[in-house]
C-alpha atoms as a PDB file:
ATOM      1  CA  MET A   1      12.974  42.428 -15.642  1.00  0.00           C
ATOM      2  CA  GLY A   2      12.363  38.746 -14.633  1.00  0.00           C
ATOM      3  CA  PRO A   3      13.139  36.996 -11.393  1.00  0.00           C
ATOM      4  CA  ASN A   4      16.769  36.561 -10.525  1.00  0.00           C
ATOM      5  CA  PRO A   5      18.415  33.135 -10.916  1.00  0.00           C
ATOM      6  CA  SER A   6      18.288  32.308  -7.196  1.00  0.00           C
ATOM      7  CA  GLU A   7      14.525  33.007  -7.110  1.00  0.00           C
ATOM      8  CA  GLU A   8      14.029  30.785 -10.163  1.00  0.00           C
ATOM      9  CA  ALA A   9      16.056  28.015  -8.554  1.00  0.00           C
ATOM     10  CA  ALA A  10      14.036  28.336  -5.330  1.00  0.00           C
ATOM     11  CA  GLN A  11      10.755  28.113  -7.282  1.00  0.00           C
ATOM     12  CA  LYS A  12      11.938  25.049  -9.214  1.00  0.00           C
ATOM     13  CA  LEU A  13      13.091  23.416  -6.000  1.00  0.00           C
ATOM     14  CA  GLU A  14       9.733  24.137  -4.361  1.00  0.00           C
ATOM     15  CA  GLN A  15       7.880  22.632  -7.356  1.00  0.00           C
ATOM     16  CA  LEU A  16      10.096  19.567  -7.236  1.00  0.00           C
ATOM     17  CA  LEU A  17       9.477  19.163  -3.510  1.00  0.00           C
ATOM     18  CA  GLU A  18       5.703  19.439  -4.014  1.00  0.00           C
ATOM     19  CA  SER A  19       5.855  16.815  -6.776  1.00  0.00           C
ATOM     20  CA  LEU A  20       7.866  14.463  -4.561  1.00  0.00           C
ATOM     21  CA  ILE A  21       5.405  14.912  -1.682  1.00  0.00           C
ATOM     22  CA  LYS A  22       2.505  14.045  -4.001  1.00  0.00           C
ATOM     23  CA  MET A  23       4.370  10.990  -5.316  1.00  0.00           C
ATOM     24  CA  VAL A  24       5.086   9.740  -1.795  1.00  0.00           C
ATOM     25  CA  GLY A  25       1.443  10.311  -0.827  1.00  0.00           C
ATOM     26  CA  ASN A  26       0.246   8.301  -3.821  1.00  0.00           C
ATOM     27  CA  ALA A  27       2.730   5.528  -3.062  1.00  0.00           C
ATOM     28  CA  ASN A  28       1.480   5.384   0.552  1.00  0.00           C
ATOM     29  CA  LYS A  29      -2.127   5.083  -0.676  1.00  0.00           C
ATOM     30  CA  ASN A  30      -1.100   2.196  -2.926  1.00  0.00           C
ATOM     31  CA  VAL A  31       0.711   0.459  -0.058  1.00  0.00           C
ATOM     32  CA  ASP A  32      -2.312   0.900   2.228  1.00  0.00           C
ATOM     33  CA  SER A  33      -4.604  -0.537  -0.434  1.00  0.00           C
ATOM     34  CA  LEU A  34      -2.270  -3.471  -0.988  1.00  0.00           C
ATOM     35  CA  GLN A  35      -2.056  -4.148   2.767  1.00  0.00           C
ATOM     36  CA  ARG A  36      -5.865  -4.190   3.006  1.00  0.00           C
ATOM     37  CA  ARG A  37      -6.087  -6.660   0.137  1.00  0.00           C
ATOM     38  CA  VAL A  38      -3.434  -8.907   1.688  1.00  0.00           C
ATOM     39  CA  SER A  39      -5.308  -8.830   5.004  1.00  0.00           C
ATOM     40  CA  GLN A  40      -8.543  -9.773   3.229  1.00  0.00           C
ATOM     41  CA  LEU A  41      -6.811 -12.664   1.479  1.00  0.00           C
ATOM     42  CA  GLU A  42      -5.280 -13.885   4.744  1.00  0.00           C
ATOM     43  CA  TRP A  43      -8.693 -13.761   6.418  1.00  0.00           C
ATOM     44  CA  LEU A  44     -10.334 -15.635   3.517  1.00  0.00           C
ATOM     45  CA  ILE A  45      -7.628 -18.318   3.575  1.00  0.00           C
ATOM     46  CA  LYS A  46      -8.052 -18.801   7.358  1.00  0.00           C
ATOM     47  CA  GLU A  47     -11.839 -18.986   6.962  1.00  0.00           C
ATOM     48  CA  GLN A  48     -11.508 -21.508   4.156  1.00  0.00           C
ATOM     49  CA  GLN A  49      -9.070 -23.620   6.168  1.00  0.00           C
ATOM     50  CA  SER A  50     -11.269 -23.612   9.267  1.00  0.00           C
ATOM     51  CA  SER A  51     -14.424 -24.447   7.290  1.00  0.00           C
ATOM     52  CA  SER A  52     -12.660 -27.306   5.489  1.00  0.00           C
ATOM     53  CA  ARG A  53     -11.539 -28.706   8.853  1.00  0.00           C
ATOM     54  CA  GLU A  54     -15.126 -28.602  10.114  1.00  0.00           C
ATOM     55  CA  THR A  55     -16.536 -30.381   7.062  1.00  0.00           C
ATOM     56  CA  ASN A  56     -13.643 -32.840   6.640  1.00  0.00           C
ATOM     57  CA  PRO A  57     -12.116 -33.531  10.035  1.00  0.00           C
ATOM     58  CA  ILE A  58      -8.898 -35.477   9.950  1.00  0.00           C
ATOM     59  CA  ARG A  59      -9.394 -39.037  11.097  1.00  0.00           C
ATOM     60  CA  ILE A  60      -6.513 -41.168  12.268  1.00  0.00           C
ATOM     61  CA  TYR A  61      -7.071 -44.910  12.190  1.00  0.00           C
ATOM     62  CA  SER A  62      -4.852 -47.254  14.114  1.00  0.00           C
END
């Protein structure tokens, strides 16, 4: 005799919950990776802007 319907439903629900937890974990890893890349790009842009100001200072002539 197999498991009763309520046990089957509980097992399926548990499997679904585990799958959802894994999906959310993977999504969080992707977001963290994306945030790191955005931070790196922001830093590179700031560095590039500051180095271009040093090499080509703005001159105002009157």
